[in-house]
């Protein structure tokens, strides 16, 4: 398991990576919400009222930052995030 703190534009984030046989589970957690990979369920995040973004085809921190938003919760949409946005462009909203 990998855990890494990083800063971007004066804000702190946590990156988590758990390796599995086929692909890793990866996630970025910010102060208001999180970015998750395809292993995690956007519907559950919606039910819980989370500010959550789902990306696919990611394996490490850089690929998550370069990924485009595939799905998002209502709360994420209300914060100004849209499907197709690049994670690095909207990270400050998380």
C-alpha atoms as a PDB file:
ATOM      1  CA  UNK A   1       0.000   0.000   0.000  1.00  0.00           C
ATOM      2  CA  UNK A   2       1.282   3.454  -0.914  1.00  0.00           C
ATOM      3  CA  UNK A   3       0.290   6.638   0.864  1.00  0.00           C
ATOM      4  CA  UNK A   4       1.629   9.996  -0.316  1.00  0.00           C
ATOM      5  CA  UNK A   5       0.808  13.546   0.738  1.00  0.00           C
ATOM      6  CA  UNK A   6       1.307  16.258  -1.856  1.00  0.00           C
ATOM      7  CA  UNK A   7       0.552  19.927  -2.346  1.00  0.00           C
ATOM      8  CA  UNK A   8      -0.819  21.733  -5.363  1.00  0.00           C
ATOM      9  CA  UNK A   9      -1.458  25.492  -5.436  1.00  0.00           C
ATOM     10  CA  UNK A  10      -1.127  25.778  -1.653  1.00  0.00           C
ATOM     11  CA  UNK A  11      -3.633  22.990  -0.930  1.00  0.00           C
ATOM     12  CA  UNK A  12      -2.846  19.600   0.598  1.00  0.00           C
ATOM     13  CA  UNK A  13      -4.012  16.256  -0.780  1.00  0.00           C
ATOM     14  CA  UNK A  14      -3.483  12.587  -0.015  1.00  0.00           C
ATOM     15  CA  UNK A  15      -2.850   9.947  -2.665  1.00  0.00           C
ATOM     16  CA  UNK A  16      -3.565   6.304  -1.864  1.00  0.00           C
ATOM     17  CA  UNK A  17      -2.601   3.332  -4.035  1.00  0.00           C
ATOM     18  CA  UNK A  18      -3.333  -0.307  -3.253  1.00  0.00           C
ATOM     19  CA  UNK A  19      -1.920  -2.822  -5.742  1.00  0.00           C
ATOM     20  CA  UNK A  20      -4.038  -5.761  -6.897  1.00  0.00           C
ATOM     21  CA  UNK A  21      -3.310  -8.461  -9.475  1.00  0.00           C
ATOM     22  CA  UNK A  22      -4.947  -6.795 -12.499  1.00  0.00           C
ATOM     23  CA  UNK A  23      -4.921  -3.087 -11.624  1.00  0.00           C
ATOM     24  CA  UNK A  24      -4.377  -0.890  -8.565  1.00  0.00           C
ATOM     25  CA  UNK A  25      -7.031   0.875  -6.535  1.00  0.00           C
ATOM     26  CA  UNK A  26      -6.098   4.575  -6.511  1.00  0.00           C
ATOM     27  CA  UNK A  27      -7.630   7.612  -4.890  1.00  0.00           C
ATOM     28  CA  UNK A  28      -6.898  11.277  -4.184  1.00  0.00           C
ATOM     29  CA  UNK A  29      -8.487  12.777  -1.096  1.00  0.00           C
ATOM     30  CA  UNK A  30      -8.868  16.517  -0.690  1.00  0.00           C
ATOM     31  CA  UNK A  31     -10.430  18.688   1.987  1.00  0.00           C
ATOM     32  CA  UNK A  32     -13.928  18.656   0.414  1.00  0.00           C
ATOM     33  CA  UNK A  33     -14.036  15.376  -1.515  1.00  0.00           C
ATOM     34  CA  UNK A  34     -12.152  12.772  -3.480  1.00  0.00           C
ATOM     35  CA  UNK A  35     -11.222  11.329  -6.845  1.00  0.00           C
ATOM     36  CA  UNK A  36     -11.618   7.570  -7.139  1.00  0.00           C
ATOM     37  CA  UNK A  37     -10.744   4.925  -9.686  1.00  0.00           C
ATOM     38  CA  UNK A  38     -13.110   2.488 -11.343  1.00  0.00           C
ATOM     39  CA  UNK A  39     -12.892   0.013  -8.446  1.00  0.00           C
ATOM     40  CA  UNK A  40     -15.071   2.272  -6.293  1.00  0.00           C
ATOM     41  CA  UNK A  41     -18.790   2.906  -6.628  1.00  0.00           C
ATOM     42  CA  UNK A  42     -20.061   6.362  -7.622  1.00  0.00           C
ATOM     43  CA  UNK A  43     -23.660   5.393  -6.749  1.00  0.00           C
ATOM     44  CA  UNK A  44     -22.739   4.802  -3.109  1.00  0.00           C
ATOM     45  CA  UNK A  45     -20.912   8.138  -3.000  1.00  0.00           C
ATOM     46  CA  UNK A  46     -24.048   9.790  -4.404  1.00  0.00           C
ATOM     47  CA  UNK A  47     -26.247   8.192  -1.733  1.00  0.00           C
ATOM     48  CA  UNK A  48     -23.887   9.411   0.984  1.00  0.00           C
ATOM     49  CA  UNK A  49     -23.838  12.955  -0.405  1.00  0.00           C
ATOM     50  CA  UNK A  50     -20.088  12.949  -1.078  1.00  0.00           C
ATOM     51  CA  UNK A  51     -18.249  15.253  -3.449  1.00  0.00           C
ATOM     52  CA  UNK A  52     -16.803  12.426  -5.530  1.00  0.00           C
ATOM     53  CA  UNK A  53     -15.307  12.051  -8.983  1.00  0.00           C
ATOM     54  CA  UNK A  54     -14.658   8.771 -10.795  1.00  0.00           C
ATOM     55  CA  UNK A  55     -11.873   8.295 -13.333  1.00  0.00           C
ATOM     56  CA  UNK A  56     -10.847   5.166 -15.220  1.00  0.00           C
ATOM     57  CA  UNK A  57      -7.676   3.712 -16.702  1.00  0.00           C
ATOM     58  CA  UNK A  58      -5.437   5.110 -13.969  1.00  0.00           C
ATOM     59  CA  UNK A  59      -2.517   3.476 -12.179  1.00  0.00           C
ATOM     60  CA  UNK A  60      -0.548   6.152 -10.327  1.00  0.00           C
ATOM     61  CA  UNK A  61      -0.722   9.768  -9.184  1.00  0.00           C
ATOM     62  CA  UNK A  62       0.238  11.269 -12.534  1.00  0.00           C
ATOM     63  CA  UNK A  63      -2.328   9.257 -14.513  1.00  0.00           C
ATOM     64  CA  UNK A  64      -5.042  10.317 -12.056  1.00  0.00           C
ATOM     65  CA  UNK A  65      -4.070  13.981 -12.425  1.00  0.00           C
ATOM     66  CA  UNK A  66      -4.074  13.603 -16.227  1.00  0.00           C
ATOM     67  CA  UNK A  67      -7.394  11.696 -16.317  1.00  0.00           C
ATOM     68  CA  UNK A  68     -10.716  13.148 -17.378  1.00  0.00           C
ATOM     69  CA  UNK A  69     -13.768  12.993 -15.134  1.00  0.00           C
ATOM     70  CA  UNK A  70     -15.878  10.017 -16.237  1.00  0.00           C
ATOM     71  CA  UNK A  71     -18.600  10.233 -13.577  1.00  0.00           C
ATOM     72  CA  UNK A  72     -19.377  12.535 -10.672  1.00  0.00           C
ATOM     73  CA  UNK A  73     -21.851  13.031  -7.897  1.00  0.00           C
ATOM     74  CA  UNK A  74     -24.439  15.790  -7.707  1.00  0.00           C
ATOM     75  CA  UNK A  75     -22.393  17.554  -5.055  1.00  0.00           C
ATOM     76  CA  UNK A  76     -19.337  17.532  -7.354  1.00  0.00           C
ATOM     77  CA  UNK A  77     -21.439  18.905 -10.210  1.00  0.00           C
ATOM     78  CA  UNK A  78     -22.773  21.669  -7.935  1.00  0.00           C
ATOM     79  CA  UNK A  79     -19.186  22.689  -7.150  1.00  0.00           C
ATOM     80  CA  UNK A  80     -18.578  23.398 -10.847  1.00  0.00           C
ATOM     81  CA  UNK A  81     -17.028  20.114 -11.984  1.00  0.00           C
ATOM     82  CA  UNK A  82     -18.186  18.565 -15.275  1.00  0.00           C
ATOM     83  CA  UNK A  83     -17.704  15.250 -17.037  1.00  0.00           C
ATOM     84  CA  UNK A  84     -14.665  15.526 -19.280  1.00  0.00           C
ATOM     85  CA  UNK A  85     -12.798  17.980 -17.031  1.00  0.00           C
ATOM     86  CA  UNK A  86      -9.167  17.052 -16.393  1.00  0.00           C
ATOM     87  CA  UNK A  87      -8.529  16.221 -12.739  1.00  0.00           C
ATOM     88  CA  UNK A  88      -5.511  18.537 -12.477  1.00  0.00           C
ATOM     89  CA  UNK A  89      -7.718  21.443 -13.656  1.00  0.00           C
ATOM     90  CA  UNK A  90     -10.422  20.900 -11.019  1.00  0.00           C
ATOM     91  CA  UNK A  91      -8.326  19.538  -8.142  1.00  0.00           C
ATOM     92  CA  UNK A  92      -8.684  22.829  -6.255  1.00  0.00           C
ATOM     93  CA  UNK A  93     -12.452  22.157  -5.999  1.00  0.00           C
ATOM     94  CA  UNK A  94     -11.907  18.893  -4.115  1.00  0.00           C
END
